[in-house]
Amino acid sequence: MYTPEIYKNENSEEINKFLQENSFGILINQSNGKLCATHIPLELDVNKEGEDVLYGHISKENPQWKGFTDN
């Protein structure tokens, strides 16, 4: 996705702080030609290799999750 220079931030400390303070994101996908968007909780963690990993959750009660298994 194109990001204009004015909005770019490549400072990992600032990005991590922002993610910890704003722990919700919008998950967007399409299924059967329809666009779906859901606010989901997000958690930033570090794996065994020291890499940042962003975890999220979507309920199976939400029909949007099927778009990931169907595609």
PDB file of N, CA and C in Angstrom:
ATOM      1  N   MET A   1       0.840  -1.163   0.000  1.00  0.00           N
ATOM      2  CA  MET A   1       0.000   0.000   0.000  1.00  0.00           C
ATOM      3  C   MET A   1       0.892   1.236   0.000  1.00  0.00           C
ATOM      4  N   TYR A   2       0.549   2.197  -0.815  1.00  0.00           N
ATOM      5  CA  TYR A   2       1.321   3.438  -0.877  1.00  0.00           C
ATOM      6  C   TYR A   2       1.069   4.274   0.374  1.00  0.00           C
ATOM      7  N   THR A   3       2.135   4.703   0.991  1.00  0.00           N
ATOM      8  CA  THR A   3       2.044   5.586   2.151  1.00  0.00           C
ATOM      9  C   THR A   3       2.848   6.847   1.859  1.00  0.00           C
ATOM     10  N   PRO A   4       2.190   8.015   1.826  1.00  0.00           N
ATOM     11  CA  PRO A   4       2.923   9.264   1.594  1.00  0.00           C
ATOM     12  C   PRO A   4       3.988   9.475   2.675  1.00  0.00           C
ATOM     13  N   GLU A   5       5.087  10.083   2.307  1.00  0.00           N
ATOM     14  CA  GLU A   5       6.208  10.317   3.227  1.00  0.00           C
ATOM     15  C   GLU A   5       5.765  10.972   4.534  1.00  0.00           C
ATOM     16  N   ILE A   6       4.822  11.909   4.458  1.00  0.00           N
ATOM     17  CA  ILE A   6       4.383  12.636   5.656  1.00  0.00           C
ATOM     18  C   ILE A   6       3.772  11.697   6.710  1.00  0.00           C
ATOM     19  N   TYR A   7       3.243  10.540   6.288  1.00  0.00           N
ATOM     20  CA  TYR A   7       2.602   9.602   7.213  1.00  0.00           C
ATOM     21  C   TYR A   7       3.487   8.414   7.572  1.00  0.00           C
ATOM     22  N   LYS A   8       4.656   8.286   6.959  1.00  0.00           N
ATOM     23  CA  LYS A   8       5.539   7.150   7.234  1.00  0.00           C
ATOM     24  C   LYS A   8       6.194   7.298   8.597  1.00  0.00           C
ATOM     25  N   ASN A   9       6.277   6.184   9.297  1.00  0.00           N
ATOM     26  CA  ASN A   9       7.015   6.121  10.549  1.00  0.00           C
ATOM     27  C   ASN A   9       7.709   4.767  10.577  1.00  0.00           C
ATOM     28  N   GLU A  10       9.019   4.782  10.517  1.00  0.00           N
ATOM     29  CA  GLU A  10       9.778   3.539  10.527  1.00  0.00           C
ATOM     30  C   GLU A  10      10.524   3.351  11.842  1.00  0.00           C
ATOM     31  N   ASN A  11      10.161   4.149  12.854  1.00  0.00           N
ATOM     32  CA  ASN A  11      10.764   4.041  14.177  1.00  0.00           C
ATOM     33  C   ASN A  11      10.029   2.939  14.940  1.00  0.00           C
ATOM     34  N   SER A  12      10.673   1.781  15.104  1.00  0.00           N
ATOM     35  CA  SER A  12       9.988   0.629  15.697  1.00  0.00           C
ATOM     36  C   SER A  12       9.551   0.882  17.136  1.00  0.00           C
ATOM     37  N   GLU A  13      10.300   1.668  17.904  1.00  0.00           N
ATOM     38  CA  GLU A  13       9.885   1.968  19.276  1.00  0.00           C
ATOM     39  C   GLU A  13       8.585   2.764  19.290  1.00  0.00           C
ATOM     40  N   GLU A  14       8.472   3.762  18.426  1.00  0.00           N
ATOM     41  CA  GLU A  14       7.242   4.559  18.350  1.00  0.00           C
ATOM     42  C   GLU A  14       6.070   3.713  17.860  1.00  0.00           C
ATOM     43  N   ILE A  15       6.321   2.859  16.882  1.00  0.00           N
ATOM     44  CA  ILE A  15       5.259   1.995  16.352  1.00  0.00           C
ATOM     45  C   ILE A  15       4.779   1.033  17.430  1.00  0.00           C
ATOM     46  N   ASN A  16       5.712   0.399  18.148  1.00  0.00           N
ATOM     47  CA  ASN A  16       5.338  -0.539  19.212  1.00  0.00           C
ATOM     48  C   ASN A  16       4.554   0.160  20.317  1.00  0.00           C
ATOM     49  N   LYS A  17       4.981   1.360  20.697  1.00  0.00           N
ATOM     50  CA  LYS A  17       4.259   2.126  21.728  1.00  0.00           C
ATOM     51  C   LYS A  17       2.837   2.430  21.257  1.00  0.00           C
ATOM     52  N   PHE A  18       2.705   2.845  19.997  1.00  0.00           N
ATOM     53  CA  PHE A  18       1.381   3.136  19.443  1.00  0.00           C
ATOM     54  C   PHE A  18       0.495   1.891  19.479  1.00  0.00           C
ATOM     55  N   LEU A  19       1.042   0.741  19.087  1.00  0.00           N
ATOM     56  CA  LEU A  19       0.254  -0.495  19.072  1.00  0.00           C
ATOM     57  C   LEU A  19      -0.165  -0.914  20.481  1.00  0.00           C
ATOM     58  N   GLN A  20       0.698  -0.694  21.470  1.00  0.00           N
ATOM     59  CA  GLN A  20       0.348  -1.037  22.844  1.00  0.00           C
ATOM     60  C   GLN A  20      -0.730  -0.107  23.396  1.00  0.00           C
ATOM     61  N   GLU A  21      -0.720   1.148  22.981  1.00  0.00           N
ATOM     62  CA  GLU A  21      -1.710   2.121  23.460  1.00  0.00           C
ATOM     63  C   GLU A  21      -3.023   2.051  22.687  1.00  0.00           C
ATOM     64  N   ASN A  22      -3.011   1.471  21.509  1.00  0.00           N
ATOM     65  CA  ASN A  22      -4.193   1.390  20.639  1.00  0.00           C
ATOM     66  C   ASN A  22      -4.365  -0.064  20.206  1.00  0.00           C
ATOM     67  N   SER A  23      -4.937  -0.853  21.090  1.00  0.00           N
ATOM     68  CA  SER A  23      -4.929  -2.307  20.898  1.00  0.00           C
ATOM     69  C   SER A  23      -6.101  -2.849  20.075  1.00  0.00           C
ATOM     70  N   PHE A  24      -6.700  -2.013  19.250  1.00  0.00           N
ATOM     71  CA  PHE A  24      -7.737  -2.487  18.334  1.00  0.00           C
ATOM     72  C   PHE A  24      -7.352  -2.089  16.920  1.00  0.00           C
ATOM     73  N   GLY A  25      -7.679  -2.954  15.985  1.00  0.00           N
ATOM     74  CA  GLY A  25      -7.443  -2.669  14.578  1.00  0.00           C
ATOM     75  C   GLY A  25      -8.684  -3.015  13.782  1.00  0.00           C
ATOM     76  N   ILE A  26      -8.639  -2.768  12.499  1.00  0.00           N
ATOM     77  CA  ILE A  26      -9.755  -3.119  11.620  1.00  0.00           C
ATOM     78  C   ILE A  26      -9.266  -4.188  10.656  1.00  0.00           C
ATOM     79  N   LEU A  27      -9.907  -5.334  10.715  1.00  0.00           N
ATOM     80  CA  LEU A  27      -9.602  -6.449   9.822  1.00  0.00           C
ATOM     81  C   LEU A  27     -10.508  -6.327   8.607  1.00  0.00           C
ATOM     82  N   ILE A  28      -9.907  -6.242   7.423  1.00  0.00           N
ATOM     83  CA  ILE A  28     -10.675  -6.057   6.193  1.00  0.00           C
ATOM     84  C   ILE A  28     -10.347  -7.183   5.233  1.00  0.00           C
ATOM     85  N   ASN A  29     -11.373  -7.804   4.683  1.00  0.00           N
ATOM     86  CA  ASN A  29     -11.195  -8.791   3.620  1.00  0.00           C
ATOM     87  C   ASN A  29     -12.458  -8.803   2.773  1.00  0.00           C
ATOM     88  N   GLN A  30     -12.430  -9.587   1.717  1.00  0.00           N
ATOM     89  CA  GLN A  30     -13.622  -9.707   0.876  1.00  0.00           C
ATOM     90  C   GLN A  30     -13.918 -11.186   0.685  1.00  0.00           C
ATOM     91  N   SER A  31     -15.178 -11.483   0.582  1.00  0.00           N
ATOM     92  CA  SER A  31     -15.634 -12.846   0.351  1.00  0.00           C
ATOM     93  C   SER A  31     -16.888 -12.770  -0.504  1.00  0.00           C
ATOM     94  N   ASN A  32     -16.932 -13.574  -1.536  1.00  0.00           N
ATOM     95  CA  ASN A  32     -18.072 -13.579  -2.456  1.00  0.00           C
ATOM     96  C   ASN A  32     -18.362 -12.182  -3.011  1.00  0.00           C
ATOM     97  N   GLY A  33     -17.311 -11.428  -3.276  1.00  0.00           N
ATOM     98  CA  GLY A  33     -17.469 -10.107  -3.871  1.00  0.00           C
ATOM     99  C   GLY A  33     -17.940  -9.028  -2.922  1.00  0.00           C
ATOM    100  N   LYS A  34     -18.021  -9.334  -1.625  1.00  0.00           N
ATOM    101  CA  LYS A  34     -18.462  -8.344  -0.635  1.00  0.00           C
ATOM    102  C   LYS A  34     -17.305  -8.000   0.291  1.00  0.00           C
ATOM    103  N   LEU A  35     -17.182  -6.719   0.585  1.00  0.00           N
ATOM    104  CA  LEU A  35     -16.147  -6.239   1.480  1.00  0.00           C
ATOM    105  C   LEU A  35     -16.641  -6.341   2.917  1.00  0.00           C
ATOM    106  N   CYS A  36     -15.792  -6.853   3.806  1.00  0.00           N
ATOM    107  CA  CYS A  36     -16.139  -6.979   5.222  1.00  0.00           C
ATOM    108  C   CYS A  36     -15.074  -6.270   6.052  1.00  0.00           C
ATOM    109  N   ALA A  37     -15.494  -5.651   7.144  1.00  0.00           N
ATOM    110  CA  ALA A  37     -14.559  -4.997   8.063  1.00  0.00           C
ATOM    111  C   ALA A  37     -15.054  -5.197   9.489  1.00  0.00           C
ATOM    112  N   THR A  38     -14.145  -5.572  10.373  1.00  0.00           N
ATOM    113  CA  THR A  38     -14.482  -5.815  11.767  1.00  0.00           C
ATOM    114  C   THR A  38     -13.380  -5.250  12.653  1.00  0.00           C
ATOM    115  N   HIS A  39     -13.764  -4.551  13.711  1.00  0.00           N
ATOM    116  CA  HIS A  39     -12.786  -4.123  14.711  1.00  0.00           C
ATOM    117  C   HIS A  39     -12.396  -5.351  15.528  1.00  0.00           C
ATOM    118  N   ILE A  40     -11.095  -5.580  15.662  1.00  0.00           N
ATOM    119  CA  ILE A  40     -10.627  -6.744  16.417  1.00  0.00           C
ATOM    120  C   ILE A  40      -9.563  -6.315  17.426  1.00  0.00           C
ATOM    121  N   PRO A  41      -9.458  -7.075  18.540  1.00  0.00           N
ATOM    122  CA  PRO A  41      -8.388  -6.796  19.494  1.00  0.00           C
ATOM    123  C   PRO A  41      -7.053  -7.269  18.922  1.00  0.00           C
ATOM    124  N   LEU A  42      -6.005  -6.508  19.204  1.00  0.00           N
ATOM    125  CA  LEU A  42      -4.664  -6.858  18.745  1.00  0.00           C
ATOM    126  C   LEU A  42      -3.701  -6.830  19.925  1.00  0.00           C
ATOM    127  N   GLU A  43      -2.720  -7.727  19.886  1.00  0.00           N
ATOM    128  CA  GLU A  43      -1.689  -7.750  20.920  1.00  0.00           C
ATOM    129  C   GLU A  43      -0.331  -7.915  20.257  1.00  0.00           C
ATOM    130  N   LEU A  44       0.588  -7.048  20.611  1.00  0.00           N
ATOM    131  CA  LEU A  44       1.946  -7.119  20.092  1.00  0.00           C
ATOM    132  C   LEU A  44       2.779  -7.964  21.044  1.00  0.00           C
ATOM    133  N   ASP A  45       3.487  -8.955  20.499  1.00  0.00           N
ATOM    134  CA  ASP A  45       4.309  -9.853  21.299  1.00  0.00           C
ATOM    135  C   ASP A  45       5.647 -10.031  20.589  1.00  0.00           C
ATOM    136  N   VAL A  46       6.561 -10.718  21.239  1.00  0.00           N
ATOM    137  CA  VAL A  46       7.866 -11.031  20.655  1.00  0.00           C
ATOM    138  C   VAL A  46       8.033 -12.543  20.690  1.00  0.00           C
ATOM    139  N   ASN A  47       8.405 -13.150  19.548  1.00  0.00           N
ATOM    140  CA  ASN A  47       8.569 -14.608  19.504  1.00  0.00           C
ATOM    141  C   ASN A  47       9.960 -15.019  19.994  1.00  0.00           C
ATOM    142  N   LYS A  48      10.248 -16.332  19.956  1.00  0.00           N
ATOM    143  CA  LYS A  48      11.519 -16.859  20.454  1.00  0.00           C
ATOM    144  C   LYS A  48      12.727 -16.294  19.708  1.00  0.00           C
ATOM    145  N   GLU A  49      12.515 -15.920  18.449  1.00  0.00           N
ATOM    146  CA  GLU A  49      13.600 -15.375  17.642  1.00  0.00           C
ATOM    147  C   GLU A  49      13.788 -13.868  17.856  1.00  0.00           C
ATOM    148  N   GLY A  50      12.973 -13.275  18.722  1.00  0.00           N
ATOM    149  CA  GLY A  50      13.073 -11.849  18.997  1.00  0.00           C
ATOM    150  C   GLY A  50      12.349 -10.970  17.991  1.00  0.00           C
ATOM    151  N   GLU A  51      11.501 -11.586  17.158  1.00  0.00           N
ATOM    152  CA  GLU A  51      10.751 -10.835  16.144  1.00  0.00           C
ATOM    153  C   GLU A  51       9.400 -10.397  16.694  1.00  0.00           C
ATOM    154  N   ASP A  52       8.961  -9.211  16.310  1.00  0.00           N
ATOM    155  CA  ASP A  52       7.636  -8.735  16.702  1.00  0.00           C
ATOM    156  C   ASP A  52       6.571  -9.547  15.980  1.00  0.00           C
ATOM    157  N   VAL A  53       5.533  -9.941  16.730  1.00  0.00           N
ATOM    158  CA  VAL A  53       4.398 -10.681  16.169  1.00  0.00           C
ATOM    159  C   VAL A  53       3.126  -9.976  16.625  1.00  0.00           C
ATOM    160  N   LEU A  54       2.239  -9.698  15.692  1.00  0.00           N
ATOM    161  CA  LEU A  54       0.970  -9.052  16.010  1.00  0.00           C
ATOM    162  C   LEU A  54      -0.123 -10.112  15.975  1.00  0.00           C
ATOM    163  N   TYR A  55      -0.757 -10.357  17.125  1.00  0.00           N
ATOM    164  CA  TYR A  55      -1.819 -11.349  17.237  1.00  0.00           C
ATOM    165  C   TYR A  55      -3.172 -10.649  17.256  1.00  0.00           C
ATOM    166  N   GLY A  56      -4.158 -11.292  16.658  1.00  0.00           N
ATOM    167  CA  GLY A  56      -5.517 -10.777  16.674  1.00  0.00           C
ATOM    168  C   GLY A  56      -6.495 -11.911  16.900  1.00  0.00           C
ATOM    169  N   HIS A  57      -7.745 -11.564  17.104  1.00  0.00           N
ATOM    170  CA  HIS A  57      -8.777 -12.571  17.343  1.00  0.00           C
ATOM    171  C   HIS A  57     -10.070 -12.128  16.670  1.00  0.00           C
ATOM    172  N   ILE A  58     -10.736 -13.102  16.067  1.00  0.00           N
ATOM    173  CA  ILE A  58     -12.074 -12.862  15.526  1.00  0.00           C
ATOM    174  C   ILE A  58     -12.938 -14.058  15.925  1.00  0.00           C
ATOM    175  N   SER A  59     -14.118 -13.783  16.395  1.00  0.00           N
ATOM    176  CA  SER A  59     -15.026 -14.831  16.850  1.00  0.00           C
ATOM    177  C   SER A  59     -15.575 -15.633  15.672  1.00  0.00           C
ATOM    178  N   LYS A  60     -15.771 -16.923  15.891  1.00  0.00           N
ATOM    179  CA  LYS A  60     -16.400 -17.742  14.848  1.00  0.00           C
ATOM    180  C   LYS A  60     -17.890 -17.417  14.721  1.00  0.00           C
ATOM    181  N   GLU A  61     -18.428 -16.629  15.630  1.00  0.00           N
ATOM    182  CA  GLU A  61     -19.797 -16.136  15.488  1.00  0.00           C
ATOM    183  C   GLU A  61     -19.861 -15.050  14.419  1.00  0.00           C
ATOM    184  N   ASN A  62     -18.726 -14.471  14.096  1.00  0.00           N
ATOM    185  CA  ASN A  62     -18.635 -13.434  13.073  1.00  0.00           C
ATOM    186  C   ASN A  62     -18.424 -14.122  11.721  1.00  0.00           C
ATOM    187  N   PRO A  63     -19.336 -13.963  10.774  1.00  0.00           N
ATOM    188  CA  PRO A  63     -19.208 -14.668   9.493  1.00  0.00           C
ATOM    189  C   PRO A  63     -17.982 -14.257   8.679  1.00  0.00           C
ATOM    190  N   GLN A  64     -17.326 -13.185   9.044  1.00  0.00           N
ATOM    191  CA  GLN A  64     -16.153 -12.734   8.291  1.00  0.00           C
ATOM    192  C   GLN A  64     -15.018 -13.760   8.324  1.00  0.00           C
ATOM    193  N   TRP A  65     -14.898 -14.530   9.376  1.00  0.00           N
ATOM    194  CA  TRP A  65     -13.785 -15.466   9.490  1.00  0.00           C
ATOM    195  C   TRP A  65     -13.795 -16.507   8.380  1.00  0.00           C
ATOM    196  N   LYS A  66     -14.969 -16.866   7.869  1.00  0.00           N
ATOM    197  CA  LYS A  66     -15.036 -17.883   6.814  1.00  0.00           C
ATOM    198  C   LYS A  66     -14.337 -17.433   5.540  1.00  0.00           C
ATOM    199  N   GLY A  67     -14.261 -16.133   5.302  1.00  0.00           N
ATOM    200  CA  GLY A  67     -13.567 -15.628   4.126  1.00  0.00           C
ATOM    201  C   GLY A  67     -12.101 -16.024   4.096  1.00  0.00           C
ATOM    202  N   PHE A  68     -11.519 -16.252   5.257  1.00  0.00           N
ATOM    203  CA  PHE A  68     -10.112 -16.649   5.307  1.00  0.00           C
ATOM    204  C   PHE A  68      -9.944 -18.133   5.023  1.00  0.00           C
ATOM    205  N   THR A  69     -10.923 -18.940   5.377  1.00  0.00           N
ATOM    206  CA  THR A  69     -10.818 -20.370   5.085  1.00  0.00           C
ATOM    207  C   THR A  69     -11.242 -20.670   3.656  1.00  0.00           C
ATOM    208  N   ASP A  70     -12.158 -19.870   3.110  1.00  0.00           N
ATOM    209  CA  ASP A  70     -12.654 -20.096   1.748  1.00  0.00           C
ATOM    210  C   ASP A  70     -11.666 -19.627   0.691  1.00  0.00           C
ATOM    211  N   ASN A  71     -10.864 -18.641   1.003  1.00  0.00           N
ATOM    212  CA  ASN A  71      -9.926 -18.072   0.021  1.00  0.00           C
ATOM    213  C   ASN A  71      -8.571 -18.646   0.255  1.00  0.00           C
TER     214      ASN A  71
END
